[in-house]
Amino acid sequence: FNWFVRARDSYYSQPRPIFEAMTLGLALLVGLLVMPSLIYLAGRLTLREYANGGVFALYFDFFKGLFQLRPSCWIVVAGPFVFLTLVRVFRLVLRKI
């Protein structure tokens, strides 16, 4: 895992604006690509099959919802960044206490 250690060290050694831009980009990428599949898996385990088809149908509906400006789809995209921001704020508050 030497490549992982080097990538982590390079990520943390970036100047603050680049670090924040990379964090935003990675969080949005997770929101766009990973979150819909996790939603699909959770729905399949609890609610059975997706009504419109499989996982690719969910991705199609998800991206269609993004272009139609559905708030639920945009919440899924922004969710990882908002969660990461809340964790960072809580860590900051706990350090001050």
N, C-alpha and C. Protein backbone atom coordinates (compact mmCIF):
# COMPACT_ATOMS: atom_id res chain seq x y z
N PHE A 1 0.81 -1.19 0.00
CA PHE A 1 0.00 0.00 0.00
C PHE A 1 0.86 1.27 0.00
N ASN A 2 2.04 1.15 -0.54
CA ASN A 2 2.94 2.30 -0.61
C ASN A 2 2.35 3.40 -1.48
N TRP A 3 1.65 3.03 -2.56
CA TRP A 3 1.03 4.01 -3.45
C TRP A 3 -0.04 4.80 -2.72
N PHE A 4 -0.75 4.12 -1.81
CA PHE A 4 -1.80 4.80 -1.05
C PHE A 4 -1.20 5.81 -0.08
N VAL A 5 -0.13 5.46 0.56
CA VAL A 5 0.54 6.37 1.50
C VAL A 5 1.08 7.58 0.76
N ARG A 6 1.68 7.35 -0.42
CA ARG A 6 2.18 8.48 -1.21
C ARG A 6 1.05 9.38 -1.70
N ALA A 7 -0.06 8.78 -2.12
CA ALA A 7 -1.20 9.58 -2.59
C ALA A 7 -1.80 10.39 -1.44
N ARG A 8 -1.92 9.77 -0.26
CA ARG A 8 -2.44 10.48 0.91
C ARG A 8 -1.54 11.63 1.31
N ASP A 9 -0.23 11.38 1.33
CA ASP A 9 0.71 12.44 1.70
C ASP A 9 0.68 13.58 0.69
N SER A 10 0.57 13.24 -0.58
CA SER A 10 0.49 14.28 -1.61
C SER A 10 -0.80 15.08 -1.47
N TYR A 11 -1.88 14.41 -1.15
CA TYR A 11 -3.18 15.07 -0.98
C TYR A 11 -3.15 16.05 0.18
N TYR A 12 -2.59 15.62 1.31
CA TYR A 12 -2.55 16.49 2.49
C TYR A 12 -1.50 17.59 2.39
N SER A 13 -0.54 17.47 1.48
CA SER A 13 0.51 18.49 1.39
C SER A 13 0.15 19.60 0.39
N GLN A 14 -1.01 19.52 -0.22
CA GLN A 14 -1.43 20.55 -1.17
C GLN A 14 -1.71 21.87 -0.44
N PRO A 15 -1.56 23.00 -1.14
CA PRO A 15 -1.99 24.28 -0.55
C PRO A 15 -3.49 24.24 -0.25
N ARG A 16 -3.92 25.04 0.69
CA ARG A 16 -5.31 24.99 1.19
C ARG A 16 -6.37 25.10 0.09
N PRO A 17 -6.28 26.07 -0.85
CA PRO A 17 -7.33 26.15 -1.88
C PRO A 17 -7.38 24.91 -2.78
N ILE A 18 -6.21 24.38 -3.13
CA ILE A 18 -6.19 23.17 -3.97
C ILE A 18 -6.72 21.98 -3.19
N PHE A 19 -6.36 21.89 -1.91
CA PHE A 19 -6.86 20.81 -1.05
C PHE A 19 -8.39 20.86 -0.97
N GLU A 20 -8.94 22.03 -0.77
CA GLU A 20 -10.40 22.17 -0.67
C GLU A 20 -11.08 21.87 -2.01
N ALA A 21 -10.47 22.29 -3.11
CA ALA A 21 -11.04 22.00 -4.43
C ALA A 21 -11.00 20.51 -4.72
N MET A 22 -9.91 19.85 -4.35
CA MET A 22 -9.83 18.41 -4.55
C MET A 22 -10.83 17.67 -3.67
N THR A 23 -11.02 18.14 -2.44
CA THR A 23 -11.99 17.53 -1.54
C THR A 23 -13.40 17.68 -2.10
N LEU A 24 -13.72 18.86 -2.58
CA LEU A 24 -15.03 19.09 -3.20
C LEU A 24 -15.23 18.19 -4.41
N GLY A 25 -14.23 18.11 -5.26
CA GLY A 25 -14.32 17.28 -6.45
C GLY A 25 -14.49 15.81 -6.13
N LEU A 26 -13.73 15.32 -5.16
CA LEU A 26 -13.85 13.91 -4.77
C LEU A 26 -15.21 13.62 -4.13
N ALA A 27 -15.69 14.54 -3.31
CA ALA A 27 -16.99 14.35 -2.67
C ALA A 27 -18.12 14.36 -3.70
N LEU A 28 -18.04 15.26 -4.68
CA LEU A 28 -19.05 15.30 -5.73
C LEU A 28 -18.98 14.05 -6.61
N LEU A 29 -17.78 13.56 -6.85
CA LEU A 29 -17.63 12.33 -7.62
C LEU A 29 -18.25 11.14 -6.89
N VAL A 30 -18.05 11.08 -5.58
CA VAL A 30 -18.68 10.03 -4.78
C VAL A 30 -20.20 10.18 -4.83
N GLY A 31 -20.68 11.41 -4.75
CA GLY A 31 -22.12 11.65 -4.82
C GLY A 31 -22.71 11.27 -6.16
N LEU A 32 -21.96 11.46 -7.22
CA LEU A 32 -22.45 11.13 -8.56
C LEU A 32 -22.37 9.65 -8.90
N LEU A 33 -21.30 8.98 -8.47
CA LEU A 33 -21.06 7.61 -8.91
C LEU A 33 -21.33 6.54 -7.85
N VAL A 34 -20.99 6.81 -6.61
CA VAL A 34 -21.08 5.79 -5.57
C VAL A 34 -22.43 5.80 -4.87
N MET A 35 -22.93 6.98 -4.54
CA MET A 35 -24.18 7.07 -3.78
C MET A 35 -25.37 6.42 -4.47
N PRO A 36 -25.58 6.60 -5.79
CA PRO A 36 -26.72 5.91 -6.40
C PRO A 36 -26.65 4.39 -6.29
N SER A 37 -25.44 3.83 -6.40
CA SER A 37 -25.34 2.38 -6.26
C SER A 37 -25.61 1.94 -4.82
N LEU A 38 -25.19 2.74 -3.84
CA LEU A 38 -25.49 2.41 -2.45
C LEU A 38 -26.99 2.53 -2.17
N ILE A 39 -27.62 3.52 -2.77
CA ILE A 39 -29.08 3.67 -2.63
C ILE A 39 -29.78 2.48 -3.28
N TYR A 40 -29.28 2.05 -4.43
CA TYR A 40 -29.87 0.89 -5.10
C TYR A 40 -29.74 -0.35 -4.22
N LEU A 41 -28.55 -0.58 -3.66
CA LEU A 41 -28.35 -1.77 -2.81
C LEU A 41 -29.24 -1.73 -1.57
N ALA A 42 -29.33 -0.57 -0.94
CA ALA A 42 -30.18 -0.47 0.25
C ALA A 42 -31.65 -0.68 -0.11
N GLY A 43 -32.07 -0.12 -1.23
CA GLY A 43 -33.45 -0.32 -1.66
C GLY A 43 -33.74 -1.74 -2.04
N ARG A 44 -32.78 -2.38 -2.68
CA ARG A 44 -32.99 -3.78 -3.07
C ARG A 44 -33.08 -4.69 -1.85
N LEU A 45 -32.28 -4.41 -0.84
CA LEU A 45 -32.33 -5.24 0.37
C LEU A 45 -33.61 -5.04 1.16
N THR A 46 -34.13 -3.84 1.17
CA THR A 46 -35.30 -3.56 2.01
C THR A 46 -36.61 -3.54 1.24
N LEU A 47 -36.60 -3.08 -0.01
CA LEU A 47 -37.85 -2.88 -0.75
C LEU A 47 -37.99 -3.79 -1.96
N ARG A 48 -37.06 -4.67 -2.20
CA ARG A 48 -37.04 -5.57 -3.37
C ARG A 48 -36.51 -4.84 -4.60
N GLU A 49 -36.89 -5.32 -5.77
CA GLU A 49 -36.38 -4.79 -7.04
C GLU A 49 -36.79 -3.34 -7.27
N TYR A 50 -35.93 -2.62 -8.01
CA TYR A 50 -36.24 -1.25 -8.42
C TYR A 50 -37.37 -1.32 -9.45
N ALA A 51 -38.35 -0.46 -9.33
CA ALA A 51 -39.56 -0.54 -10.14
C ALA A 51 -39.30 -0.36 -11.63
N ASN A 52 -38.31 0.43 -12.01
CA ASN A 52 -38.06 0.72 -13.42
C ASN A 52 -37.02 -0.19 -14.05
N GLY A 53 -36.45 -1.12 -13.30
CA GLY A 53 -35.42 -2.01 -13.85
C GLY A 53 -34.32 -2.25 -12.85
N GLY A 54 -33.08 -2.34 -13.35
CA GLY A 54 -31.93 -2.62 -12.50
C GLY A 54 -31.17 -1.37 -12.11
N VAL A 55 -29.91 -1.59 -11.81
CA VAL A 55 -29.07 -0.50 -11.34
C VAL A 55 -28.83 0.54 -12.44
N PHE A 56 -28.73 0.10 -13.68
CA PHE A 56 -28.50 1.06 -14.76
C PHE A 56 -29.73 1.92 -15.01
N ALA A 57 -30.91 1.36 -14.78
CA ALA A 57 -32.14 2.16 -14.89
C ALA A 57 -32.17 3.21 -13.79
N LEU A 58 -31.68 2.84 -12.61
CA LEU A 58 -31.63 3.82 -11.53
C LEU A 58 -30.66 4.94 -11.87
N TYR A 59 -29.49 4.60 -12.42
CA TYR A 59 -28.54 5.63 -12.83
C TYR A 59 -29.14 6.54 -13.90
N PHE A 60 -29.84 5.94 -14.86
CA PHE A 60 -30.48 6.74 -15.90
C PHE A 60 -31.50 7.70 -15.29
N ASP A 61 -32.35 7.20 -14.39
CA ASP A 61 -33.34 8.05 -13.73
C ASP A 61 -32.67 9.11 -12.87
N PHE A 62 -31.56 8.75 -12.24
CA PHE A 62 -30.84 9.69 -11.38
C PHE A 62 -30.27 10.85 -12.20
N PHE A 63 -29.59 10.53 -13.29
CA PHE A 63 -29.01 11.60 -14.11
C PHE A 63 -30.09 12.40 -14.82
N LYS A 64 -31.19 11.77 -15.18
CA LYS A 64 -32.31 12.50 -15.75
C LYS A 64 -32.87 13.48 -14.71
N GLY A 65 -32.95 13.03 -13.45
CA GLY A 65 -33.40 13.90 -12.38
C GLY A 65 -32.47 15.07 -12.13
N LEU A 66 -31.17 14.85 -12.32
CA LEU A 66 -30.21 15.95 -12.18
C LEU A 66 -30.47 17.02 -13.24
N PHE A 67 -30.70 16.58 -14.48
CA PHE A 67 -30.95 17.54 -15.55
C PHE A 67 -32.31 18.21 -15.42
N GLN A 68 -33.26 17.54 -14.75
CA GLN A 68 -34.57 18.14 -14.52
C GLN A 68 -34.59 18.96 -13.23
N LEU A 69 -33.44 19.07 -12.58
CA LEU A 69 -33.26 19.87 -11.35
C LEU A 69 -34.16 19.39 -10.22
N ARG A 70 -34.26 18.08 -10.06
CA ARG A 70 -35.00 17.54 -8.92
C ARG A 70 -34.15 17.70 -7.66
N PRO A 71 -34.74 18.28 -6.60
CA PRO A 71 -33.96 18.49 -5.37
C PRO A 71 -33.44 17.20 -4.76
N SER A 72 -34.19 16.11 -4.85
CA SER A 72 -33.76 14.85 -4.25
C SER A 72 -32.46 14.35 -4.89
N CYS A 73 -32.32 14.50 -6.17
CA CYS A 73 -31.10 14.06 -6.85
C CYS A 73 -29.92 14.94 -6.47
N TRP A 74 -30.16 16.24 -6.36
CA TRP A 74 -29.08 17.15 -6.00
C TRP A 74 -28.67 16.97 -4.54
N ILE A 75 -29.59 16.57 -3.69
CA ILE A 75 -29.24 16.28 -2.29
C ILE A 75 -28.33 15.07 -2.23
N VAL A 76 -28.59 14.07 -3.07
CA VAL A 76 -27.72 12.89 -3.13
C VAL A 76 -26.32 13.28 -3.58
N VAL A 77 -26.21 14.16 -4.56
CA VAL A 77 -24.90 14.58 -5.06
C VAL A 77 -24.15 15.39 -4.00
N ALA A 78 -24.85 16.30 -3.34
CA ALA A 78 -24.20 17.17 -2.35
C ALA A 78 -24.01 16.50 -1.00
N GLY A 79 -24.69 15.39 -0.76
CA GLY A 79 -24.66 14.73 0.54
C GLY A 79 -23.28 14.41 1.08
N PRO A 80 -22.40 13.77 0.30
CA PRO A 80 -21.07 13.46 0.84
C PRO A 80 -20.28 14.70 1.24
N PHE A 81 -20.36 15.78 0.47
CA PHE A 81 -19.63 16.99 0.83
C PHE A 81 -20.22 17.63 2.09
N VAL A 82 -21.54 17.66 2.20
CA VAL A 82 -22.18 18.22 3.39
C VAL A 82 -21.81 17.39 4.62
N PHE A 83 -21.84 16.06 4.49
CA PHE A 83 -21.47 15.19 5.60
C PHE A 83 -20.01 15.43 6.01
N LEU A 84 -19.12 15.52 5.03
CA LEU A 84 -17.71 15.76 5.32
C LEU A 84 -17.51 17.11 5.99
N THR A 85 -18.24 18.12 5.54
CA THR A 85 -18.15 19.45 6.15
C THR A 85 -18.64 19.43 7.58
N LEU A 86 -19.75 18.73 7.84
CA LEU A 86 -20.25 18.63 9.22
C LEU A 86 -19.26 17.91 10.13
N VAL A 87 -18.64 16.86 9.64
CA VAL A 87 -17.63 16.15 10.44
C VAL A 87 -16.47 17.08 10.76
N ARG A 88 -16.03 17.86 9.77
CA ARG A 88 -14.92 18.79 10.01
C ARG A 88 -15.30 19.88 11.00
N VAL A 89 -16.54 20.38 10.92
CA VAL A 89 -17.00 21.41 11.86
C VAL A 89 -17.08 20.84 13.28
N PHE A 90 -17.62 19.64 13.42
CA PHE A 90 -17.71 19.03 14.74
C PHE A 90 -16.33 18.75 15.32
N ARG A 91 -15.39 18.33 14.49
CA ARG A 91 -14.03 18.12 14.98
C ARG A 91 -13.43 19.43 15.48
N LEU A 92 -13.68 20.52 14.74
CA LEU A 92 -13.18 21.82 15.14
C LEU A 92 -13.78 22.27 16.46
N VAL A 93 -15.08 22.07 16.62
CA VAL A 93 -15.76 22.45 17.86
C VAL A 93 -15.23 21.61 19.03
N LEU A 94 -15.04 20.32 18.81
CA LEU A 94 -14.54 19.46 19.89
C LEU A 94 -13.11 19.81 20.27
N ARG A 95 -12.31 20.27 19.33
CA ARG A 95 -10.95 20.70 19.66
C ARG A 95 -10.96 21.95 20.53
N LYS A 96 -11.95 22.83 20.33
CA LYS A 96 -12.03 24.07 21.09
C LYS A 96 -12.53 23.84 22.52
N ILE A 97 -13.22 22.73 22.73
CA ILE A 97 -13.78 22.46 24.08
C ILE A 97 -12.72 21.97 25.01
